[in-house]
Amino acid sequence: MRRLLTALACSLFLCAHAIFVCGPAAALVGGAVNADQTIARHVVMLVGPHGFCSGVAIARNVVLTAAHCVPAGADYKLTELDAARQPVLKDIAQIARHPSFDADAALRQRVTADVALLRLAEPLAAKFMPAPLAAPRRPVAVGDLLMVAGYGVAARGDGRTGGTLRTARLAVTGQPGSLQIRLVDPATKGERPGLGACTGDSGAPVFDDADGQVAVLGVVSWSTGPALSDGCGGLTGVTPLGRYRDWIVTTAAKLAGPTP
């Protein structure tokens, strides 16, 4: 029913018009809008041998993403577009997965600590800005609206729609807790195709902007199609950060190193 959002067999390359094109994969579907600069300055795209994911900068040289995006034994890069929209690949020097992350549990679509931190070999470009983590707050409640921002294609299986950061405002549904939050398009309720995360949105930040300031509340881990079918545009599964916040803060500080 649920599926991990890691893109399979996706090759990232530059076409004649300097646009990223990927194989069969998908991201925020259902008519998600392009992100504005207040959001785009926080979000990055990651590529590896098995596909691509999204992530969010939480320091000049540290990115937060989903642990299932960066399994051990492979090489990953952070991808930026320069002023000419040509890809610039940046090395990742170190990966720290949460010690409680269970890859087998993730493959069985079970709840696990699906968070990881990446230390970049070089700081992000000046156009990027670290996003704050959400402060401890009241638990999210059914009906709360949260913003998801991720890369990938906007139509499942259509690689021509990839390479653009898009956002969607989704509503909390089900029984939200400290281990998992489920989001749904408030217009379709997950009963028919609507807004939702898909393949390229693994690790995408889920922002709380209720007070007018964006802060990272969680990361995207999985999706379903409408009515719990396979695919996208139904439920979006989120790993909330509250339970892992201390580990993220401590580990990020160690990875970031001394601040100039």
Protein backbone atom coordinates (compact mmCIF):
# COMPACT_ATOMS: atom_id res chain seq x y z
CA MET A 1 0.00 0.00 0.00
CA ARG A 2 2.53 2.56 1.09
CA ARG A 3 5.77 2.78 -0.78
CA LEU A 4 9.08 4.38 -0.03
CA LEU A 5 9.67 7.46 -2.08
CA THR A 6 13.14 6.58 -3.34
CA ALA A 7 13.26 6.98 -7.12
CA LEU A 8 14.50 3.87 -8.92
CA ALA A 9 16.84 3.95 -11.91
CA CYS A 10 16.68 7.72 -12.35
CA SER A 11 19.49 9.26 -14.38
CA LEU A 12 19.98 12.99 -14.03
CA PHE A 13 21.30 14.76 -17.09
CA LEU A 14 21.22 18.10 -18.87
CA CYS A 15 19.20 18.42 -22.05
CA ALA A 16 19.55 20.97 -24.82
CA HIS A 17 17.52 23.55 -22.88
CA ALA A 18 19.41 23.05 -19.61
CA ILE A 19 16.53 21.32 -17.84
CA PHE A 20 16.87 18.30 -15.59
CA VAL A 21 15.09 15.22 -16.94
CA CYS A 22 14.54 12.00 -14.98
CA GLY A 23 13.14 8.60 -15.77
CA PRO A 24 9.74 7.40 -14.51
CA ALA A 25 9.34 9.14 -11.18
CA ALA A 26 7.15 11.77 -9.60
CA ALA A 27 7.09 14.49 -6.99
CA LEU A 28 4.43 16.89 -5.71
CA VAL A 29 1.46 15.95 -7.87
CA GLY A 30 -2.02 17.37 -8.26
CA GLY A 31 -1.19 20.86 -9.50
CA ALA A 32 1.32 21.99 -6.87
CA VAL A 33 2.57 25.54 -7.39
CA ASN A 34 6.16 26.64 -7.91
CA ALA A 35 7.89 27.63 -4.67
CA ASP A 36 8.64 31.27 -4.04
CA GLN A 37 12.09 32.43 -2.97
CA THR A 38 11.24 32.48 0.74
CA ILE A 39 10.91 28.69 0.53
CA ALA A 40 13.35 27.92 -2.31
CA ARG A 41 16.28 29.36 -0.36
CA HIS A 42 15.98 26.50 2.15
CA VAL A 43 15.41 23.43 -0.05
CA VAL A 44 17.96 21.37 -2.00
CA MET A 45 18.00 18.35 -4.31
CA LEU A 46 20.12 15.25 -3.73
CA VAL A 47 21.12 12.68 -6.34
CA GLY A 48 22.63 9.23 -6.06
CA PRO A 49 22.94 5.91 -7.89
CA HIS A 50 19.33 4.94 -7.08
CA GLY A 51 17.62 8.21 -7.80
CA PHE A 52 16.98 11.61 -6.28
CA CYS A 53 15.49 13.09 -3.13
CA SER A 54 14.85 16.45 -1.53
CA GLY A 55 16.42 17.95 1.58
CA VAL A 56 16.54 21.13 3.62
CA ALA A 57 19.54 23.19 4.72
CA ILE A 58 19.77 23.60 8.51
CA ALA A 59 23.33 25.02 8.47
CA ARG A 60 25.56 26.47 5.74
CA ASN A 61 27.09 23.03 5.24
CA VAL A 62 24.51 20.64 6.76
CA VAL A 63 21.39 19.24 5.08
CA LEU A 64 18.53 17.33 6.69
CA THR A 65 16.79 14.60 4.67
CA ALA A 66 15.18 11.16 5.04
CA ALA A 67 17.50 8.32 6.07
CA HIS A 68 16.04 5.99 3.44
CA CYS A 69 17.30 8.44 0.78
CA VAL A 70 20.95 7.74 1.66
CA PRO A 71 21.46 4.01 2.30
CA ALA A 72 25.00 2.95 3.14
CA GLY A 73 27.50 1.99 0.47
CA ALA A 74 26.72 4.58 -2.20
CA ASP A 75 27.92 8.01 -3.29
CA TYR A 76 25.59 10.99 -3.17
CA LYS A 77 25.78 14.56 -4.47
CA LEU A 78 23.94 17.76 -3.79
CA THR A 79 22.73 19.41 -7.00
CA GLU A 80 22.44 23.14 -7.58
CA LEU A 81 21.51 25.07 -10.68
CA ASP A 82 23.78 27.98 -11.52
CA ALA A 83 22.69 31.27 -13.09
CA ALA A 84 22.55 29.59 -16.51
CA ARG A 85 20.44 26.73 -15.06
CA GLN A 86 23.30 24.31 -15.55
CA PRO A 87 23.78 21.65 -12.86
CA VAL A 88 26.56 21.96 -10.31
CA LEU A 89 27.21 18.80 -8.29
CA LYS A 90 28.62 19.26 -4.79
CA ASP A 91 30.32 16.53 -2.79
CA ILE A 92 28.85 15.17 0.43
CA ALA A 93 31.64 14.59 2.93
CA GLN A 94 29.77 12.75 5.67
CA ILE A 95 26.38 11.14 6.31
CA ALA A 96 24.87 10.61 9.75
CA ARG A 97 21.69 8.48 9.90
CA HIS A 98 19.73 8.44 13.12
CA PRO A 99 20.97 5.49 15.19
CA SER A 100 17.40 4.18 15.56
CA PHE A 101 16.74 4.13 11.81
CA ASP A 102 15.87 0.60 10.69
CA ALA A 103 16.23 0.14 6.94
CA ASP A 104 14.40 -3.19 7.01
CA ALA A 105 11.48 -1.60 8.85
CA ALA A 106 11.41 1.17 6.26
CA LEU A 107 11.29 -1.37 3.45
CA ARG A 108 8.34 -3.04 5.19
CA GLN A 109 6.63 0.36 5.39
CA ARG A 110 6.87 0.46 9.18
CA VAL A 111 7.49 3.54 11.30
CA THR A 112 11.17 4.23 11.98
CA ALA A 113 13.53 7.15 12.64
CA ASP A 114 13.69 8.15 8.98
CA VAL A 115 16.00 11.16 9.38
CA ALA A 116 19.60 11.77 8.31
CA LEU A 117 22.09 14.65 8.24
CA LEU A 118 24.59 15.32 5.45
CA ARG A 119 27.75 17.38 5.83
CA LEU A 120 28.73 19.09 2.59
CA ALA A 121 32.34 19.28 1.51
CA GLU A 122 31.78 22.99 0.74
CA PRO A 123 29.17 25.42 2.07
CA LEU A 124 26.03 26.05 0.09
CA ALA A 125 25.87 28.93 -2.36
CA ALA A 126 24.99 32.33 -0.96
CA LYS A 127 21.42 32.12 -2.30
CA PHE A 128 20.64 29.38 0.23
CA MET A 129 19.74 30.02 3.84
CA PRO A 130 19.46 27.52 6.72
CA ALA A 131 15.91 26.89 7.90
CA PRO A 132 15.14 26.75 11.63
CA LEU A 133 13.74 23.63 13.24
CA ALA A 134 10.27 24.00 14.68
CA ALA A 135 10.31 24.74 18.40
CA PRO A 136 8.50 22.33 20.72
CA ARG A 137 4.81 23.15 20.50
CA ARG A 138 1.43 21.66 21.04
CA PRO A 139 0.96 18.43 19.08
CA VAL A 140 -0.35 18.92 15.58
CA ALA A 141 -4.06 18.34 15.31
CA VAL A 142 -6.34 17.04 12.59
CA GLY A 143 -7.10 19.88 10.21
CA ASP A 144 -3.83 21.79 10.78
CA LEU A 145 -2.29 22.96 7.50
CA LEU A 146 1.41 22.29 6.81
CA MET A 147 3.53 23.13 3.77
CA VAL A 148 5.51 20.50 1.84
CA ALA A 149 8.27 21.66 -0.54
CA GLY A 150 10.00 19.16 -2.84
CA TYR A 151 11.69 18.53 -6.18
CA GLY A 152 10.74 16.05 -8.91
CA VAL A 153 8.17 15.73 -11.66
CA ALA A 154 4.71 17.17 -11.28
CA ALA A 155 3.00 14.40 -13.26
CA ARG A 156 3.76 10.78 -12.43
CA GLY A 157 5.94 9.24 -15.11
CA ASP A 158 6.52 12.48 -17.01
CA GLY A 159 10.21 13.34 -16.71
CA ARG A 160 9.76 16.59 -18.61
CA THR A 161 8.12 18.14 -15.55
CA GLY A 162 11.13 17.55 -13.26
CA GLY A 163 13.75 19.85 -11.76
CA THR A 164 11.46 22.52 -10.31
CA LEU A 165 10.79 23.10 -6.63
CA ARG A 166 7.07 23.04 -5.87
CA THR A 167 5.00 23.48 -2.74
CA ALA A 168 1.66 22.20 -1.51
CA ARG A 169 -0.33 23.07 1.59
CA LEU A 170 -1.73 19.85 3.03
CA ALA A 171 -4.01 19.09 5.98
CA VAL A 172 -3.21 16.80 8.90
CA THR A 173 -5.48 13.75 8.99
CA GLY A 174 -5.87 10.46 10.86
CA GLN A 175 -4.25 10.17 14.28
CA PRO A 176 -1.12 12.35 14.26
CA GLY A 177 1.55 11.51 16.83
CA SER A 178 5.25 11.78 17.61
CA LEU A 179 6.14 8.90 15.27
CA GLN A 180 4.13 9.75 12.18
CA ILE A 181 1.91 12.42 10.67
CA ARG A 182 -0.34 11.86 7.67
CA LEU A 183 -1.22 14.70 5.33
CA VAL A 184 -3.93 14.95 2.71
CA ASP A 185 -5.19 17.41 0.12
CA PRO A 186 -7.89 19.30 2.03
CA ALA A 187 -9.98 19.47 -1.16
CA THR A 188 -9.97 15.75 -2.03
CA LYS A 189 -9.42 14.14 1.40
CA GLY A 190 -7.35 11.44 -0.31
CA GLU A 191 -10.46 9.87 -1.80
CA ARG A 192 -9.65 11.00 -5.34
CA PRO A 193 -6.41 12.26 -6.97
CA GLY A 194 -5.15 15.49 -5.44
CA LEU A 195 -2.12 17.27 -4.05
CA GLY A 196 0.44 14.98 -2.46
CA ALA A 197 4.06 13.86 -2.31
CA CYS A 198 5.56 11.24 -4.56
CA THR A 199 8.95 9.79 -5.54
CA GLY A 200 11.25 12.82 -5.70
CA ASP A 201 9.84 14.27 -2.48
CA SER A 202 11.51 11.83 -0.09
CA GLY A 203 13.29 13.90 2.54
CA ALA A 204 11.38 17.05 1.58
CA PRO A 205 10.85 19.48 4.44
CA VAL A 206 7.42 19.87 5.94
CA PHE A 207 7.14 23.44 7.18
CA ASP A 208 4.99 24.87 9.95
CA ASP A 209 4.27 28.49 9.12
CA ALA A 210 1.30 29.07 11.41
CA ASP A 211 2.96 32.08 13.06
CA GLY A 212 4.13 33.59 9.79
CA GLN A 213 7.68 32.20 10.05
CA VAL A 214 8.60 28.91 8.36
CA ALA A 215 10.18 26.20 10.53
CA VAL A 216 10.89 22.55 9.73
CA LEU A 217 8.41 20.27 11.49
CA GLY A 218 9.19 16.99 9.68
CA VAL A 219 10.42 15.26 6.53
CA VAL A 220 8.47 13.31 3.91
CA SER A 221 8.86 9.53 4.09
CA TRP A 222 6.14 7.84 1.99
CA SER A 223 3.00 8.32 -0.05
CA THR A 224 -0.09 6.53 -1.31
CA GLY A 225 -2.48 7.04 -4.17
CA PRO A 226 -6.15 7.89 -3.65
CA ALA A 227 -8.09 5.57 -1.33
CA LEU A 228 -4.82 3.98 -0.10
CA SER A 229 -3.94 2.69 -3.57
CA ASP A 230 -0.39 2.50 -4.91
CA GLY A 231 1.00 5.72 -6.30
CA CYS A 232 0.71 9.37 -5.36
CA GLY A 233 -1.89 12.04 -4.78
CA GLY A 234 -3.49 10.38 -1.76
CA LEU A 235 -1.77 10.38 1.62
CA THR A 236 1.64 11.92 2.34
CA GLY A 237 3.48 10.28 5.23
CA VAL A 238 5.72 12.49 7.38
CA THR A 239 8.35 11.68 10.00
CA PRO A 240 7.95 14.44 12.62
CA LEU A 241 11.19 15.79 14.10
CA GLY A 242 10.14 16.37 17.71
CA ARG A 243 11.25 12.97 18.98
CA TYR A 244 14.60 13.32 17.16
CA ARG A 245 15.20 17.04 17.68
CA ASP A 246 17.94 16.70 20.30
CA TRP A 247 19.88 14.27 18.11
CA ILE A 248 19.49 16.56 15.08
CA VAL A 249 20.68 19.65 16.96
CA THR A 250 23.65 17.91 18.60
CA THR A 251 24.75 16.04 15.49
CA ALA A 252 24.33 19.05 13.20
CA ALA A 253 26.53 21.12 15.50
CA LYS A 254 29.27 18.48 15.34
CA LEU A 255 29.01 18.15 11.57
CA ALA A 256 28.95 21.88 10.91
CA GLY A 257 32.18 22.48 12.81
CA PRO A 258 33.43 25.87 14.03
CA THR A 259 31.59 28.87 12.64
CA PRO A 260 33.96 31.40 10.98
